[in-house]
Amino acid sequence: MSASRTALLIMDFQAAIVERIGSEDVVAAAGRAVEAARAAGIPVIFVRVAFRPGYPEIAATNRSFSALGQAGDSFTADHPSTQVIEALAPRAGEAVTVKRRVSAFTGSDLEVLLRAAGAETLVLAGLSTSGVVLSTVRQAADLDYRLTVLADACADNDPEVHRILTEKVFLNQAEVTTVDAWTKSL
């Protein structure tokens, strides 16, 4: 795998989502992936979900996000709950992109960042497996990226869904491995 053609996506590791879905083990695995990517010269791109005040991006028909209107400003772009957690804090010069939907691509400038980096292979870590990881795998595969999913740097509210996705579904479009196995391959 060419480091110059690879990018690591750290998706939705933000305070509100980590509190709901993450675990110390998953955050630690994501942290090891970030450090390995940095050491190998692989760009790390942080993806977070957030909205403008008043949530103008969210249609009433959107089942995934329409309830956020009752959440006050807790999912707005500047709110502490939407920031990348301190344990994975981006370094100066590392890109942080804001998405407006489940996929890391939708409503963000991720494609522009990936083109600028010359990325052909994406390595994915995220919360949740059935949300951002699944949606991003599907969209990135349709965009012809080579994909690796770091199973131990992903988590889901439903462990069985995580297992089925990482052991069966993702295999059609991505290599699925662990952070430690991926870092040994660098």
C-alpha atoms as a PDB file:
ATOM      1  CA  MET A   1       0.000   0.000   0.000  1.00  0.00           C
ATOM      2  CA  SER A   2       1.480   3.315  -1.039  1.00  0.00           C
ATOM      3  CA  ALA A   3       1.345   5.791   1.837  1.00  0.00           C
ATOM      4  CA  SER A   4       1.273   8.676  -0.630  1.00  0.00           C
ATOM      5  CA  ARG A   5      -1.937   7.340  -2.169  1.00  0.00           C
ATOM      6  CA  THR A   6      -3.720   6.497   1.107  1.00  0.00           C
ATOM      7  CA  ALA A   7      -5.779   8.587   3.518  1.00  0.00           C
ATOM      8  CA  LEU A   8      -7.082   7.639   6.951  1.00  0.00           C
ATOM      9  CA  LEU A   9     -10.611   8.840   7.727  1.00  0.00           C
ATOM     10  CA  ILE A  10     -11.470   9.225  11.420  1.00  0.00           C
ATOM     11  CA  MET A  11     -15.247   9.601  11.309  1.00  0.00           C
ATOM     12  CA  ASP A  12     -17.660  10.887  13.942  1.00  0.00           C
ATOM     13  CA  PHE A  13     -15.275  10.529  16.879  1.00  0.00           C
ATOM     14  CA  GLN A  14     -16.918  13.552  18.435  1.00  0.00           C
ATOM     15  CA  ALA A  15     -18.016  14.001  22.021  1.00  0.00           C
ATOM     16  CA  ALA A  16     -21.778  13.342  21.664  1.00  0.00           C
ATOM     17  CA  ILE A  17     -21.300  10.239  19.535  1.00  0.00           C
ATOM     18  CA  VAL A  18     -18.403   8.769  21.523  1.00  0.00           C
ATOM     19  CA  GLU A  19     -20.489   9.108  24.696  1.00  0.00           C
ATOM     20  CA  ARG A  20     -23.322   7.173  23.052  1.00  0.00           C
ATOM     21  CA  ILE A  21     -21.484   4.530  21.036  1.00  0.00           C
ATOM     22  CA  GLY A  22     -17.756   4.552  21.688  1.00  0.00           C
ATOM     23  CA  SER A  23     -15.697   2.637  24.175  1.00  0.00           C
ATOM     24  CA  GLU A  24     -12.207   3.141  25.534  1.00  0.00           C
ATOM     25  CA  ASP A  25     -11.002   0.227  23.396  1.00  0.00           C
ATOM     26  CA  VAL A  26     -12.415   1.668  20.166  1.00  0.00           C
ATOM     27  CA  VAL A  27     -11.022   5.139  20.888  1.00  0.00           C
ATOM     28  CA  ALA A  28      -7.629   3.603  21.737  1.00  0.00           C
ATOM     29  CA  ALA A  29      -7.656   1.619  18.473  1.00  0.00           C
ATOM     30  CA  ALA A  30      -8.509   4.758  16.493  1.00  0.00           C
ATOM     31  CA  GLY A  31      -5.701   6.572  18.309  1.00  0.00           C
ATOM     32  CA  ARG A  32      -3.205   3.867  17.319  1.00  0.00           C
ATOM     33  CA  ALA A  33      -4.361   4.169  13.707  1.00  0.00           C
ATOM     34  CA  VAL A  34      -3.907   7.940  13.777  1.00  0.00           C
ATOM     35  CA  GLU A  35      -0.392   7.664  15.214  1.00  0.00           C
ATOM     36  CA  ALA A  36       0.599   4.968  12.699  1.00  0.00           C
ATOM     37  CA  ALA A  37      -0.731   7.021   9.795  1.00  0.00           C
ATOM     38  CA  ARG A  38       1.136  10.100  10.972  1.00  0.00           C
ATOM     39  CA  ALA A  39       4.360   8.109  11.350  1.00  0.00           C
ATOM     40  CA  ALA A  40       3.944   6.689   7.826  1.00  0.00           C
ATOM     41  CA  GLY A  41       3.163  10.064   6.265  1.00  0.00           C
ATOM     42  CA  ILE A  42      -0.435   9.109   5.526  1.00  0.00           C
ATOM     43  CA  PRO A  43      -2.849  12.061   5.646  1.00  0.00           C
ATOM     44  CA  VAL A  44      -5.385  11.864   8.466  1.00  0.00           C
ATOM     45  CA  ILE A  45      -8.737  13.474   7.741  1.00  0.00           C
ATOM     46  CA  PHE A  46     -11.204  13.963  10.571  1.00  0.00           C
ATOM     47  CA  VAL A  47     -14.890  13.898   9.685  1.00  0.00           C
ATOM     48  CA  ARG A  48     -17.584  15.168  12.010  1.00  0.00           C
ATOM     49  CA  VAL A  49     -21.321  15.708  11.665  1.00  0.00           C
ATOM     50  CA  ALA A  50     -22.715  19.143  12.525  1.00  0.00           C
ATOM     51  CA  PHE A  51     -25.224  21.693  11.313  1.00  0.00           C
ATOM     52  CA  ARG A  52     -25.896  25.418  11.193  1.00  0.00           C
ATOM     53  CA  PRO A  53     -27.921  27.003  14.030  1.00  0.00           C
ATOM     54  CA  GLY A  54     -31.593  26.264  13.486  1.00  0.00           C
ATOM     55  CA  TYR A  55     -30.692  23.149  11.437  1.00  0.00           C
ATOM     56  CA  PRO A  56     -31.689  24.509   7.997  1.00  0.00           C
ATOM     57  CA  GLU A  57     -30.017  21.508   6.315  1.00  0.00           C
ATOM     58  CA  ILE A  58     -32.458  19.040   7.856  1.00  0.00           C
ATOM     59  CA  ALA A  59     -35.743  18.346   6.095  1.00  0.00           C
ATOM     60  CA  ALA A  60     -38.719  17.280   8.211  1.00  0.00           C
ATOM     61  CA  THR A  61     -38.853  14.108   6.101  1.00  0.00           C
ATOM     62  CA  ASN A  62     -35.333  13.008   7.149  1.00  0.00           C
ATOM     63  CA  ARG A  63     -35.875  10.239   9.720  1.00  0.00           C
ATOM     64  CA  SER A  64     -32.221  10.159  10.744  1.00  0.00           C
ATOM     65  CA  PHE A  65     -31.834  13.825  11.626  1.00  0.00           C
ATOM     66  CA  SER A  66     -35.257  15.474  11.947  1.00  0.00           C
ATOM     67  CA  ALA A  67     -35.388  14.947  15.729  1.00  0.00           C
ATOM     68  CA  LEU A  68     -32.310  17.153  16.148  1.00  0.00           C
ATOM     69  CA  GLY A  69     -34.571  20.188  15.931  1.00  0.00           C
ATOM     70  CA  GLN A  70     -35.530  19.435  19.527  1.00  0.00           C
ATOM     71  CA  ALA A  71     -31.876  19.063  20.564  1.00  0.00           C
ATOM     72  CA  GLY A  72     -31.272  22.791  20.943  1.00  0.00           C
ATOM     73  CA  ASP A  73     -27.881  23.762  19.611  1.00  0.00           C
ATOM     74  CA  SER A  74     -26.128  20.525  20.665  1.00  0.00           C
ATOM     75  CA  PHE A  75     -25.384  19.468  17.067  1.00  0.00           C
ATOM     76  CA  THR A  76     -24.360  22.837  15.689  1.00  0.00           C
ATOM     77  CA  ALA A  77     -20.898  23.250  14.213  1.00  0.00           C
ATOM     78  CA  ASP A  78     -19.442  25.241  17.122  1.00  0.00           C
ATOM     79  CA  HIS A  79     -20.966  23.220  19.979  1.00  0.00           C
ATOM     80  CA  PRO A  80     -18.483  21.206  22.116  1.00  0.00           C
ATOM     81  CA  SER A  81     -20.484  18.003  21.512  1.00  0.00           C
ATOM     82  CA  THR A  82     -19.643  18.073  17.781  1.00  0.00           C
ATOM     83  CA  GLN A  83     -15.890  18.547  18.178  1.00  0.00           C
ATOM     84  CA  VAL A  84     -13.344  15.761  17.667  1.00  0.00           C
ATOM     85  CA  ILE A  85     -12.583  14.267  21.071  1.00  0.00           C
ATOM     86  CA  GLU A  86      -9.381  15.373  22.790  1.00  0.00           C
ATOM     87  CA  ALA A  87      -7.884  11.862  22.702  1.00  0.00           C
ATOM     88  CA  LEU A  88      -7.810  12.083  18.895  1.00  0.00           C
ATOM     89  CA  ALA A  89      -7.249  15.827  18.559  1.00  0.00           C
ATOM     90  CA  PRO A  90      -6.237  16.869  15.061  1.00  0.00           C
ATOM     91  CA  ARG A  91      -2.785  18.380  14.727  1.00  0.00           C
ATOM     92  CA  ALA A  92      -2.122  21.668  13.005  1.00  0.00           C
ATOM     93  CA  GLY A  93      -2.440  21.148   9.282  1.00  0.00           C
ATOM     94  CA  GLU A  94      -4.665  18.072   9.517  1.00  0.00           C
ATOM     95  CA  ALA A  95      -7.993  18.486   7.772  1.00  0.00           C
ATOM     96  CA  VAL A  96     -11.288  18.443   9.638  1.00  0.00           C
ATOM     97  CA  THR A  97     -14.381  18.335   7.468  1.00  0.00           C
ATOM     98  CA  VAL A  98     -18.007  18.738   8.481  1.00  0.00           C
ATOM     99  CA  LYS A  99     -20.658  16.561   6.876  1.00  0.00           C
ATOM    100  CA  ARG A 100     -24.403  17.155   6.915  1.00  0.00           C
ATOM    101  CA  ARG A 101     -25.612  13.581   6.504  1.00  0.00           C
ATOM    102  CA  VAL A 102     -24.590  10.038   7.406  1.00  0.00           C
ATOM    103  CA  SER A 103     -21.946   9.474   4.704  1.00  0.00           C
ATOM    104  CA  ALA A 104     -18.631  11.264   5.129  1.00  0.00           C
ATOM    105  CA  PHE A 105     -19.049  12.578   1.583  1.00  0.00           C
ATOM    106  CA  THR A 106     -22.515  14.117   1.781  1.00  0.00           C
ATOM    107  CA  GLY A 107     -22.511  17.823   2.488  1.00  0.00           C
ATOM    108  CA  SER A 108     -18.748  17.951   3.089  1.00  0.00           C
ATOM    109  CA  ASP A 109     -15.664  18.864   1.101  1.00  0.00           C
ATOM    110  CA  LEU A 110     -14.156  15.389   1.555  1.00  0.00           C
ATOM    111  CA  GLU A 111     -13.850  14.689  -2.189  1.00  0.00           C
ATOM    112  CA  VAL A 112     -11.867  17.901  -2.661  1.00  0.00           C
ATOM    113  CA  LEU A 113      -9.534  16.983   0.214  1.00  0.00           C
ATOM    114  CA  LEU A 114      -9.010  13.474  -1.147  1.00  0.00           C
ATOM    115  CA  ARG A 115      -8.268  14.728  -4.663  1.00  0.00           C
ATOM    116  CA  ALA A 116      -5.766  17.222  -3.275  1.00  0.00           C
ATOM    117  CA  ALA A 117      -4.087  14.411  -1.328  1.00  0.00           C
ATOM    118  CA  GLY A 118      -4.029  12.164  -4.408  1.00  0.00           C
ATOM    119  CA  ALA A 119      -5.784   9.463  -2.388  1.00  0.00           C
ATOM    120  CA  GLU A 120      -6.771   6.230  -4.089  1.00  0.00           C
ATOM    121  CA  THR A 121      -7.109   4.114  -0.950  1.00  0.00           C
ATOM    122  CA  LEU A 122      -9.207   5.049   2.073  1.00  0.00           C
ATOM    123  CA  VAL A 123      -8.767   3.513   5.504  1.00  0.00           C
ATOM    124  CA  LEU A 124     -11.903   3.937   7.608  1.00  0.00           C
ATOM    125  CA  ALA A 125     -12.511   4.170  11.352  1.00  0.00           C
ATOM    126  CA  GLY A 126     -15.819   5.429  12.670  1.00  0.00           C
ATOM    127  CA  LEU A 127     -18.841   5.537  14.912  1.00  0.00           C
ATOM    128  CA  SER A 128     -21.176   3.936  14.013  1.00  0.00           C
ATOM    129  CA  THR A 129     -20.524   0.897  11.886  1.00  0.00           C
ATOM    130  CA  SER A 130     -24.119   0.856  10.587  1.00  0.00           C
ATOM    131  CA  GLY A 131     -24.097   4.634  10.074  1.00  0.00           C
ATOM    132  CA  VAL A 132     -21.092   6.597   8.836  1.00  0.00           C
ATOM    133  CA  VAL A 133     -18.942   3.539   8.113  1.00  0.00           C
ATOM    134  CA  LEU A 134     -21.570   1.690   6.057  1.00  0.00           C
ATOM    135  CA  SER A 135     -22.657   4.801   4.159  1.00  0.00           C
ATOM    136  CA  THR A 136     -19.087   5.860   3.461  1.00  0.00           C
ATOM    137  CA  VAL A 137     -18.015   2.376   2.352  1.00  0.00           C
ATOM    138  CA  ARG A 138     -20.894   2.261  -0.127  1.00  0.00           C
ATOM    139  CA  GLN A 139     -20.302   5.742  -1.513  1.00  0.00           C
ATOM    140  CA  ALA A 140     -16.512   5.426  -1.632  1.00  0.00           C
ATOM    141  CA  ALA A 141     -16.783   2.084  -3.445  1.00  0.00           C
ATOM    142  CA  ASP A 142     -19.067   3.724  -6.010  1.00  0.00           C
ATOM    143  CA  LEU A 143     -16.388   6.418  -6.407  1.00  0.00           C
ATOM    144  CA  ASP A 144     -13.800   3.677  -7.130  1.00  0.00           C
ATOM    145  CA  TYR A 145     -11.644   4.037  -4.015  1.00  0.00           C
ATOM    146  CA  ARG A 146      -9.824   1.000  -2.637  1.00  0.00           C
ATOM    147  CA  LEU A 147     -11.082   0.536   0.904  1.00  0.00           C
ATOM    148  CA  THR A 148      -9.876  -0.816   4.211  1.00  0.00           C
ATOM    149  CA  VAL A 149     -12.108  -0.889   7.285  1.00  0.00           C
ATOM    150  CA  LEU A 150     -10.420  -1.044  10.688  1.00  0.00           C
ATOM    151  CA  ALA A 151     -12.982  -3.225  12.475  1.00  0.00           C
ATOM    152  CA  ASP A 152     -11.649  -2.603  15.972  1.00  0.00           C
ATOM    153  CA  ALA A 153     -11.690   1.179  15.379  1.00  0.00           C
ATOM    154  CA  CYS A 154     -15.413   1.041  14.588  1.00  0.00           C
ATOM    155  CA  ALA A 155     -18.373   0.413  16.870  1.00  0.00           C
ATOM    156  CA  ASP A 156     -22.141   0.264  16.738  1.00  0.00           C
ATOM    157  CA  ASN A 157     -24.975   0.426  19.251  1.00  0.00           C
ATOM    158  CA  ASP A 158     -25.763  -3.142  18.216  1.00  0.00           C
ATOM    159  CA  PRO A 159     -22.704  -5.429  18.439  1.00  0.00           C
ATOM    160  CA  GLU A 160     -24.382  -8.032  16.212  1.00  0.00           C
ATOM    161  CA  VAL A 161     -24.898  -5.465  13.443  1.00  0.00           C
ATOM    162  CA  HIS A 162     -21.217  -4.491  13.767  1.00  0.00           C
ATOM    163  CA  ARG A 163     -20.229  -8.149  13.473  1.00  0.00           C
ATOM    164  CA  ILE A 164     -22.388  -8.828  10.414  1.00  0.00           C
ATOM    165  CA  LEU A 165     -21.165  -5.704   8.637  1.00  0.00           C
ATOM    166  CA  THR A 166     -17.468  -6.299   9.347  1.00  0.00           C
ATOM    167  CA  GLU A 167     -17.513 -10.080   8.853  1.00  0.00           C
ATOM    168  CA  LYS A 168     -19.903 -10.341   5.902  1.00  0.00           C
ATOM    169  CA  VAL A 169     -21.234  -7.185   4.255  1.00  0.00           C
ATOM    170  CA  PHE A 170     -18.128  -4.998   3.961  1.00  0.00           C
ATOM    171  CA  LEU A 171     -16.051  -7.835   2.498  1.00  0.00           C
ATOM    172  CA  ASN A 172     -17.737  -7.278  -0.869  1.00  0.00           C
ATOM    173  CA  GLN A 173     -16.215  -3.803  -1.145  1.00  0.00           C
ATOM    174  CA  ALA A 174     -13.406  -3.486   1.392  1.00  0.00           C
ATOM    175  CA  GLU A 175     -10.598  -5.257   3.115  1.00  0.00           C
ATOM    176  CA  VAL A 176     -11.549  -5.608   6.776  1.00  0.00           C
ATOM    177  CA  THR A 177      -8.727  -5.838   9.267  1.00  0.00           C
ATOM    178  CA  THR A 178      -7.575  -4.664  12.683  1.00  0.00           C
ATOM    179  CA  VAL A 179      -5.544  -1.576  13.477  1.00  0.00           C
ATOM    180  CA  ASP A 180      -2.568  -3.674  14.540  1.00  0.00           C
ATOM    181  CA  ALA A 181      -2.609  -5.755  11.325  1.00  0.00           C
ATOM    182  CA  TRP A 182      -2.953  -2.592   9.227  1.00  0.00           C
ATOM    183  CA  THR A 183      -0.059  -0.838  10.992  1.00  0.00           C
ATOM    184  CA  LYS A 184       2.186  -3.897  10.430  1.00  0.00           C
ATOM    185  CA  SER A 185       1.463  -3.613   6.696  1.00  0.00           C
ATOM    186  CA  LEU A 186       2.696  -0.028   6.481  1.00  0.00           C
END
